[in-house]
Amino acid sequence: MKRIFVGMSGGYGPLAQALPIAKILKEEKGYEIFSYIRGSSQEVLRVHGYNILNLPKRSLPENTIKPGREWWNMGYLFCRHGYLDYDYVSCMVKDYILQFKAEKISLVISVLNPFVTIAAKVLDIPLVAITQSCYHPRKIYSSIRWWDTLPE
């Protein structure tokens, strides 16, 4: 049986993108689904019967920025979630690598989660990466909030 990991960044947006895919893979194809998402969204995964990876809880490094409304800006996203700290990124990627090996994951679906994407690439596991329109290189608008002017 294929063992598929669906990794999301956090919040209900990525969850809404991933759940229909996971449901089809589980119910129609019979694949075993593993997942992990931070925060209260994790309970939604449990209710749907997905296996939750047991990742260590890591505190964000100190060189992050405070939450704000610019979540659609990739620089902001990286600064907010610890991607500027090499040691933090290394630890997070290693955590996923160890779990993927332990669970014998054969396919990874990453929804806005660079840690998951890097771990899959390091292990040469087939990868499907899903993004939002505001992060796509050929996006039509410079922001998901197309009516706003982006800060410099």
N, C-alpha and C. Protein backbone atom coordinates (compact mmCIF):
# COMPACT_ATOMS: atom_id res chain seq x y z
N MET A 1 0.84 -1.18 0.00
CA MET A 1 0.00 0.00 0.00
C MET A 1 0.88 1.24 0.00
N LYS A 2 0.50 2.20 -0.81
CA LYS A 2 1.24 3.48 -0.81
C LYS A 2 0.98 4.22 0.47
N ARG A 3 2.04 4.84 0.95
CA ARG A 3 1.97 5.67 2.16
C ARG A 3 2.30 7.09 1.73
N ILE A 4 1.32 7.96 1.84
CA ILE A 4 1.44 9.32 1.32
C ILE A 4 1.44 10.30 2.47
N PHE A 5 2.37 11.26 2.39
CA PHE A 5 2.40 12.34 3.38
C PHE A 5 1.88 13.61 2.74
N VAL A 6 0.93 14.25 3.41
CA VAL A 6 0.39 15.53 2.97
C VAL A 6 0.83 16.56 4.00
N GLY A 7 1.75 17.43 3.62
CA GLY A 7 2.30 18.42 4.53
C GLY A 7 1.85 19.82 4.17
N MET A 8 1.34 20.52 5.15
CA MET A 8 0.82 21.87 4.93
C MET A 8 1.55 22.86 5.82
N SER A 9 1.51 24.13 5.44
CA SER A 9 2.15 25.14 6.26
C SER A 9 1.37 25.33 7.54
N GLY A 10 0.22 25.88 7.51
CA GLY A 10 -0.61 26.08 8.69
C GLY A 10 -1.85 26.85 8.33
N GLY A 11 -2.84 26.75 9.17
CA GLY A 11 -4.08 27.46 8.92
C GLY A 11 -5.05 26.65 8.08
N TYR A 12 -6.21 27.23 7.88
CA TYR A 12 -7.27 26.51 7.18
C TYR A 12 -7.20 26.64 5.66
N GLY A 13 -6.46 27.60 5.13
CA GLY A 13 -6.33 27.73 3.68
C GLY A 13 -5.66 26.52 3.06
N PRO A 14 -4.43 26.18 3.48
CA PRO A 14 -3.78 24.99 2.95
C PRO A 14 -4.56 23.71 3.26
N LEU A 15 -5.22 23.68 4.40
CA LEU A 15 -6.02 22.52 4.77
C LEU A 15 -7.16 22.32 3.76
N ALA A 16 -7.81 23.42 3.38
CA ALA A 16 -8.90 23.34 2.41
C ALA A 16 -8.41 22.87 1.04
N GLN A 17 -7.17 23.18 0.70
CA GLN A 17 -6.62 22.71 -0.57
C GLN A 17 -6.26 21.23 -0.51
N ALA A 18 -5.77 20.77 0.63
CA ALA A 18 -5.24 19.42 0.73
C ALA A 18 -6.30 18.35 1.05
N LEU A 19 -7.30 18.70 1.83
CA LEU A 19 -8.27 17.69 2.27
C LEU A 19 -8.98 16.96 1.13
N PRO A 20 -9.46 17.65 0.09
CA PRO A 20 -10.11 16.90 -1.00
C PRO A 20 -9.18 15.90 -1.68
N ILE A 21 -7.92 16.27 -1.82
CA ILE A 21 -6.94 15.37 -2.44
C ILE A 21 -6.70 14.16 -1.54
N ALA A 22 -6.48 14.42 -0.24
CA ALA A 22 -6.24 13.34 0.71
C ALA A 22 -7.44 12.40 0.79
N LYS A 23 -8.63 12.96 0.76
CA LYS A 23 -9.85 12.15 0.84
C LYS A 23 -9.95 11.18 -0.33
N ILE A 24 -9.70 11.67 -1.54
CA ILE A 24 -9.76 10.80 -2.72
C ILE A 24 -8.68 9.71 -2.64
N LEU A 25 -7.47 10.09 -2.26
CA LEU A 25 -6.39 9.11 -2.17
C LEU A 25 -6.68 8.04 -1.12
N LYS A 26 -7.31 8.44 -0.03
CA LYS A 26 -7.63 7.49 1.04
C LYS A 26 -8.83 6.63 0.70
N GLU A 27 -9.95 7.28 0.35
CA GLU A 27 -11.21 6.55 0.18
C GLU A 27 -11.35 5.84 -1.15
N GLU A 28 -10.86 6.46 -2.22
CA GLU A 28 -11.03 5.86 -3.54
C GLU A 28 -9.85 5.00 -3.97
N LYS A 29 -8.66 5.34 -3.50
CA LYS A 29 -7.45 4.60 -3.90
C LYS A 29 -6.94 3.67 -2.81
N GLY A 30 -7.40 3.89 -1.57
CA GLY A 30 -7.00 3.01 -0.48
C GLY A 30 -5.62 3.29 0.08
N TYR A 31 -5.06 4.45 -0.20
CA TYR A 31 -3.73 4.78 0.31
C TYR A 31 -3.79 5.18 1.77
N GLU A 32 -2.71 4.94 2.47
CA GLU A 32 -2.61 5.37 3.86
C GLU A 32 -2.06 6.79 3.86
N ILE A 33 -2.77 7.68 4.54
CA ILE A 33 -2.41 9.10 4.53
C ILE A 33 -1.81 9.50 5.88
N PHE A 34 -0.66 10.15 5.80
CA PHE A 34 0.00 10.74 6.96
C PHE A 34 0.01 12.23 6.76
N SER A 35 -0.01 12.97 7.83
CA SER A 35 0.00 14.41 7.68
C SER A 35 0.54 15.08 8.93
N TYR A 36 0.72 16.38 8.79
CA TYR A 36 1.09 17.22 9.92
C TYR A 36 0.77 18.66 9.54
N ILE A 37 0.15 19.36 10.46
CA ILE A 37 -0.10 20.79 10.29
C ILE A 37 -0.10 21.39 11.69
N ARG A 38 0.41 22.58 11.79
CA ARG A 38 0.46 23.23 13.11
C ARG A 38 -0.91 23.72 13.53
N GLY A 39 -1.08 23.87 14.82
CA GLY A 39 -2.23 24.56 15.38
C GLY A 39 -3.52 23.78 15.38
N SER A 40 -4.61 24.51 15.47
CA SER A 40 -5.94 23.91 15.62
C SER A 40 -6.37 23.15 14.38
N SER A 41 -5.76 23.41 13.25
CA SER A 41 -6.11 22.68 12.03
C SER A 41 -5.83 21.19 12.17
N GLN A 42 -4.91 20.83 13.05
CA GLN A 42 -4.56 19.43 13.24
C GLN A 42 -5.76 18.59 13.70
N GLU A 43 -6.65 19.19 14.46
CA GLU A 43 -7.84 18.47 14.92
C GLU A 43 -8.72 18.05 13.75
N VAL A 44 -8.77 18.87 12.71
CA VAL A 44 -9.55 18.53 11.51
C VAL A 44 -8.98 17.25 10.89
N LEU A 45 -7.67 17.14 10.84
CA LEU A 45 -7.05 15.93 10.29
C LEU A 45 -7.41 14.70 11.12
N ARG A 46 -7.37 14.86 12.42
CA ARG A 46 -7.72 13.74 13.32
C ARG A 46 -9.17 13.28 13.09
N VAL A 47 -10.07 14.24 12.99
CA VAL A 47 -11.49 13.92 12.79
C VAL A 47 -11.67 13.13 11.49
N HIS A 48 -10.89 13.45 10.47
CA HIS A 48 -11.00 12.75 9.19
C HIS A 48 -10.22 11.43 9.17
N GLY A 49 -9.56 11.11 10.27
CA GLY A 49 -8.90 9.81 10.38
C GLY A 49 -7.53 9.69 9.76
N TYR A 50 -6.83 10.82 9.62
CA TYR A 50 -5.49 10.76 9.05
C TYR A 50 -4.46 10.55 10.14
N ASN A 51 -3.40 9.84 9.81
CA ASN A 51 -2.30 9.62 10.74
C ASN A 51 -1.51 10.93 10.88
N ILE A 52 -1.25 11.34 12.10
CA ILE A 52 -0.51 12.58 12.34
C ILE A 52 0.92 12.21 12.71
N LEU A 53 1.89 12.75 11.98
CA LEU A 53 3.28 12.49 12.31
C LEU A 53 3.61 13.09 13.67
N ASN A 54 4.48 12.41 14.37
CA ASN A 54 4.88 12.86 15.71
C ASN A 54 6.17 13.68 15.59
N LEU A 55 6.02 14.91 15.16
CA LEU A 55 7.19 15.79 15.01
C LEU A 55 7.47 16.51 16.32
N PRO A 56 8.75 16.75 16.61
CA PRO A 56 9.09 17.52 17.82
C PRO A 56 8.50 18.92 17.73
N LYS A 57 8.08 19.44 18.85
CA LYS A 57 7.60 20.83 18.90
C LYS A 57 8.81 21.73 19.03
N ARG A 58 9.00 22.59 18.06
CA ARG A 58 10.14 23.51 18.07
C ARG A 58 9.63 24.94 18.15
N SER A 59 10.28 25.71 18.98
CA SER A 59 9.94 27.14 19.06
C SER A 59 10.56 27.86 17.88
N LEU A 60 9.84 28.87 17.40
CA LEU A 60 10.40 29.67 16.33
C LEU A 60 11.66 30.37 16.82
N PRO A 61 12.64 30.56 15.95
CA PRO A 61 13.83 31.30 16.35
C PRO A 61 13.50 32.75 16.66
N GLU A 62 14.42 33.41 17.32
CA GLU A 62 14.17 34.79 17.74
C GLU A 62 14.19 35.79 16.58
N ASN A 63 14.80 35.45 15.47
CA ASN A 63 14.90 36.41 14.37
C ASN A 63 13.69 36.34 13.41
N THR A 64 12.50 36.12 13.98
CA THR A 64 11.29 36.17 13.17
C THR A 64 10.62 37.53 13.36
N ILE A 65 9.66 37.81 12.51
CA ILE A 65 8.92 39.07 12.65
C ILE A 65 7.54 38.78 13.22
N LYS A 66 6.92 39.79 13.76
CA LYS A 66 5.60 39.63 14.39
C LYS A 66 4.53 39.36 13.33
N PRO A 67 3.45 38.68 13.76
CA PRO A 67 2.35 38.44 12.81
C PRO A 67 1.79 39.75 12.28
N GLY A 68 1.39 39.70 11.04
CA GLY A 68 0.82 40.88 10.41
C GLY A 68 -0.10 40.48 9.28
N ARG A 69 -0.51 41.44 8.51
CA ARG A 69 -1.47 41.14 7.44
C ARG A 69 -0.80 40.90 6.08
N GLU A 70 0.51 40.90 6.01
CA GLU A 70 1.21 40.73 4.72
C GLU A 70 1.54 39.28 4.42
N TRP A 71 0.73 38.33 4.87
CA TRP A 71 1.04 36.91 4.72
C TRP A 71 1.23 36.48 3.27
N TRP A 72 0.72 37.22 2.31
CA TRP A 72 0.83 36.83 0.91
C TRP A 72 2.21 37.14 0.33
N ASN A 73 3.03 37.90 1.04
CA ASN A 73 4.36 38.27 0.57
C ASN A 73 5.35 37.18 0.97
N MET A 74 6.05 36.59 0.01
CA MET A 74 6.94 35.47 0.29
C MET A 74 8.04 35.84 1.27
N GLY A 75 8.59 37.04 1.14
CA GLY A 75 9.61 37.49 2.09
C GLY A 75 9.06 37.54 3.51
N TYR A 76 7.86 38.06 3.64
CA TYR A 76 7.21 38.11 4.95
C TYR A 76 6.99 36.69 5.48
N LEU A 77 6.48 35.82 4.62
CA LEU A 77 6.22 34.43 5.03
C LEU A 77 7.49 33.78 5.57
N PHE A 78 8.59 33.93 4.85
CA PHE A 78 9.85 33.34 5.30
C PHE A 78 10.33 33.95 6.61
N CYS A 79 10.26 35.28 6.70
CA CYS A 79 10.70 35.95 7.93
C CYS A 79 9.82 35.57 9.12
N ARG A 80 8.55 35.38 8.89
CA ARG A 80 7.60 35.08 9.96
C ARG A 80 7.76 33.66 10.51
N HIS A 81 8.17 32.72 9.66
CA HIS A 81 8.16 31.31 10.05
C HIS A 81 9.54 30.68 10.19
N GLY A 82 10.56 31.50 10.39
CA GLY A 82 11.87 30.98 10.77
C GLY A 82 12.82 30.59 9.67
N TYR A 83 12.48 30.88 8.42
CA TYR A 83 13.32 30.44 7.32
C TYR A 83 14.63 31.22 7.19
N LEU A 84 14.80 32.27 7.97
CA LEU A 84 16.06 33.02 7.93
C LEU A 84 17.10 32.41 8.86
N ASP A 85 16.72 31.45 9.66
CA ASP A 85 17.61 30.84 10.63
C ASP A 85 18.05 29.46 10.13
N TYR A 86 19.31 29.36 9.71
CA TYR A 86 19.82 28.12 9.12
C TYR A 86 19.64 26.92 10.04
N ASP A 87 19.97 27.08 11.31
CA ASP A 87 19.88 25.96 12.25
C ASP A 87 18.44 25.49 12.41
N TYR A 88 17.51 26.42 12.47
CA TYR A 88 16.09 26.07 12.60
C TYR A 88 15.62 25.30 11.36
N VAL A 89 15.94 25.81 10.19
CA VAL A 89 15.53 25.15 8.94
C VAL A 89 16.14 23.75 8.89
N SER A 90 17.41 23.63 9.23
CA SER A 90 18.07 22.31 9.21
C SER A 90 17.37 21.32 10.14
N CYS A 91 17.04 21.78 11.34
CA CYS A 91 16.35 20.90 12.30
C CYS A 91 14.98 20.48 11.78
N MET A 92 14.23 21.42 11.24
CA MET A 92 12.90 21.10 10.74
C MET A 92 12.96 20.10 9.58
N VAL A 93 13.88 20.33 8.65
CA VAL A 93 14.02 19.41 7.52
C VAL A 93 14.43 18.02 8.02
N LYS A 94 15.37 17.96 8.94
CA LYS A 94 15.81 16.67 9.48
C LYS A 94 14.67 15.95 10.19
N ASP A 95 13.82 16.69 10.90
CA ASP A 95 12.66 16.08 11.56
C ASP A 95 11.78 15.37 10.54
N TYR A 96 11.50 16.04 9.43
CA TYR A 96 10.67 15.43 8.39
C TYR A 96 11.38 14.24 7.74
N ILE A 97 12.67 14.37 7.48
CA ILE A 97 13.42 13.27 6.88
C ILE A 97 13.32 12.02 7.76
N LEU A 98 13.53 12.19 9.05
CA LEU A 98 13.45 11.04 9.98
C LEU A 98 12.06 10.41 9.96
N GLN A 99 11.02 11.22 9.96
CA GLN A 99 9.66 10.70 9.95
C GLN A 99 9.31 10.03 8.62
N PHE A 100 9.74 10.61 7.51
CA PHE A 100 9.47 10.01 6.20
C PHE A 100 10.12 8.63 6.10
N LYS A 101 11.34 8.53 6.61
CA LYS A 101 12.03 7.23 6.60
C LYS A 101 11.32 6.24 7.51
N ALA A 102 10.97 6.66 8.72
CA ALA A 102 10.33 5.77 9.70
C ALA A 102 8.99 5.25 9.19
N GLU A 103 8.24 6.10 8.51
CA GLU A 103 6.90 5.71 8.05
C GLU A 103 6.90 5.17 6.62
N LYS A 104 8.09 5.10 6.01
CA LYS A 104 8.23 4.59 4.65
C LYS A 104 7.30 5.32 3.66
N ILE A 105 7.37 6.63 3.71
CA ILE A 105 6.54 7.47 2.85
C ILE A 105 7.00 7.31 1.40
N SER A 106 6.04 7.10 0.49
CA SER A 106 6.39 6.87 -0.92
C SER A 106 5.99 8.02 -1.84
N LEU A 107 5.20 8.97 -1.34
CA LEU A 107 4.83 10.15 -2.11
C LEU A 107 4.58 11.28 -1.11
N VAL A 108 5.03 12.47 -1.47
CA VAL A 108 4.83 13.64 -0.61
C VAL A 108 4.04 14.69 -1.39
N ILE A 109 3.01 15.22 -0.74
CA ILE A 109 2.25 16.35 -1.27
C ILE A 109 2.51 17.51 -0.32
N SER A 110 3.08 18.57 -0.83
CA SER A 110 3.42 19.73 -0.02
C SER A 110 2.54 20.91 -0.41
N VAL A 111 1.83 21.45 0.59
CA VAL A 111 1.00 22.63 0.36
C VAL A 111 1.64 23.77 1.14
N LEU A 112 2.41 24.59 0.45
CA LEU A 112 3.07 25.75 1.05
C LEU A 112 3.95 25.39 2.23
N ASN A 113 4.70 24.30 2.14
CA ASN A 113 5.58 23.92 3.23
C ASN A 113 6.98 23.59 2.69
N PRO A 114 7.87 24.58 2.65
CA PRO A 114 9.22 24.35 2.14
C PRO A 114 10.00 23.27 2.91
N PHE A 115 9.78 23.13 4.22
CA PHE A 115 10.48 22.08 4.98
C PHE A 115 10.15 20.70 4.39
N VAL A 116 8.88 20.47 4.14
CA VAL A 116 8.41 19.20 3.59
C VAL A 116 8.97 19.00 2.19
N THR A 117 8.96 20.05 1.39
CA THR A 117 9.47 19.98 0.02
C THR A 117 10.95 19.63 0.01
N ILE A 118 11.73 20.29 0.84
CA ILE A 118 13.18 20.02 0.89
C ILE A 118 13.44 18.58 1.34
N ALA A 119 12.73 18.13 2.38
CA ALA A 119 12.93 16.76 2.88
C ALA A 119 12.62 15.73 1.79
N ALA A 120 11.55 15.92 1.05
CA ALA A 120 11.20 15.00 -0.04
C ALA A 120 12.28 14.98 -1.10
N LYS A 121 12.79 16.17 -1.45
CA LYS A 121 13.84 16.24 -2.47
C LYS A 121 15.13 15.57 -2.01
N VAL A 122 15.49 15.77 -0.73
CA VAL A 122 16.71 15.15 -0.19
C VAL A 122 16.60 13.62 -0.26
N LEU A 123 15.43 13.09 0.04
CA LEU A 123 15.22 11.64 0.04
C LEU A 123 14.84 11.09 -1.33
N ASP A 124 14.70 11.96 -2.31
CA ASP A 124 14.30 11.57 -3.66
C ASP A 124 12.95 10.86 -3.67
N ILE A 125 12.03 11.36 -2.84
CA ILE A 125 10.66 10.86 -2.82
C ILE A 125 9.86 11.67 -3.83
N PRO A 126 9.04 11.04 -4.66
CA PRO A 126 8.20 11.81 -5.59
C PRO A 126 7.41 12.88 -4.84
N LEU A 127 7.31 14.06 -5.45
CA LEU A 127 6.76 15.23 -4.78
C LEU A 127 5.75 15.94 -5.67
N VAL A 128 4.61 16.30 -5.07
CA VAL A 128 3.64 17.18 -5.70
C VAL A 128 3.60 18.43 -4.83
N ALA A 129 3.91 19.58 -5.40
CA ALA A 129 3.91 20.83 -4.63
C ALA A 129 2.75 21.70 -5.10
N ILE A 130 1.94 22.12 -4.13
CA ILE A 130 0.77 22.95 -4.42
C ILE A 130 1.03 24.33 -3.84
N THR A 131 0.73 25.34 -4.61
CA THR A 131 0.93 26.71 -4.14
C THR A 131 -0.37 27.50 -4.29
N GLN A 132 -0.39 28.67 -3.73
CA GLN A 132 -1.52 29.58 -3.89
C GLN A 132 -1.18 30.55 -5.01
N SER A 133 -2.20 31.13 -5.58
CA SER A 133 -1.99 32.02 -6.74
C SER A 133 -1.08 33.19 -6.41
N CYS A 134 -1.10 33.67 -5.17
CA CYS A 134 -0.28 34.83 -4.83
C CYS A 134 1.21 34.51 -4.80
N TYR A 135 1.57 33.24 -4.78
CA TYR A 135 2.98 32.84 -4.77
C TYR A 135 3.43 32.29 -6.13
N HIS A 136 2.52 32.14 -7.05
CA HIS A 136 2.87 31.56 -8.35
C HIS A 136 3.71 32.55 -9.16
N PRO A 137 4.76 32.07 -9.83
CA PRO A 137 5.63 32.98 -10.58
C PRO A 137 4.93 33.71 -11.72
N ARG A 138 3.84 33.15 -12.24
CA ARG A 138 3.12 33.80 -13.34
C ARG A 138 1.80 34.41 -12.87
N LYS A 139 1.79 34.84 -11.63
CA LYS A 139 0.56 35.42 -11.09
C LYS A 139 0.13 36.66 -11.87
N ILE A 140 -1.15 36.87 -11.91
CA ILE A 140 -1.70 38.02 -12.64
C ILE A 140 -1.54 39.30 -11.82
N TYR A 141 -1.83 39.20 -10.52
CA TYR A 141 -1.73 40.36 -9.64
C TYR A 141 -0.51 40.21 -8.75
N SER A 142 0.06 41.32 -8.32
CA SER A 142 1.25 41.26 -7.46
C SER A 142 0.90 40.86 -6.04
N SER A 143 -0.37 40.82 -5.71
CA SER A 143 -0.81 40.48 -4.37
C SER A 143 -2.15 39.77 -4.45
N ILE A 144 -2.42 38.94 -3.46
CA ILE A 144 -3.74 38.32 -3.38
C ILE A 144 -4.79 39.39 -3.10
N ARG A 145 -4.33 40.46 -2.48
CA ARG A 145 -5.18 41.63 -2.24
C ARG A 145 -4.89 42.63 -3.35
N TRP A 146 -5.32 42.33 -4.56
CA TRP A 146 -4.97 43.09 -5.74
C TRP A 146 -5.37 44.56 -5.65
N TRP A 147 -6.30 44.88 -4.78
CA TRP A 147 -6.76 46.27 -4.64
C TRP A 147 -5.83 47.09 -3.74
N ASP A 148 -4.93 46.42 -3.01
CA ASP A 148 -3.99 47.12 -2.14
C ASP A 148 -2.69 47.42 -2.86
N THR A 149 -1.99 48.41 -2.40
CA THR A 149 -0.63 48.67 -2.86
C THR A 149 0.31 47.92 -1.93
N LEU A 150 1.21 47.13 -2.51
CA LEU A 150 2.14 46.37 -1.68
C LEU A 150 3.16 47.29 -1.02
N PRO A 151 3.49 47.01 0.23
CA PRO A 151 4.55 47.81 0.89
C PRO A 151 5.89 47.52 0.25
N GLU A 152 6.79 48.48 0.30
CA GLU A 152 8.13 48.30 -0.27
C GLU A 152 8.97 47.41 0.62
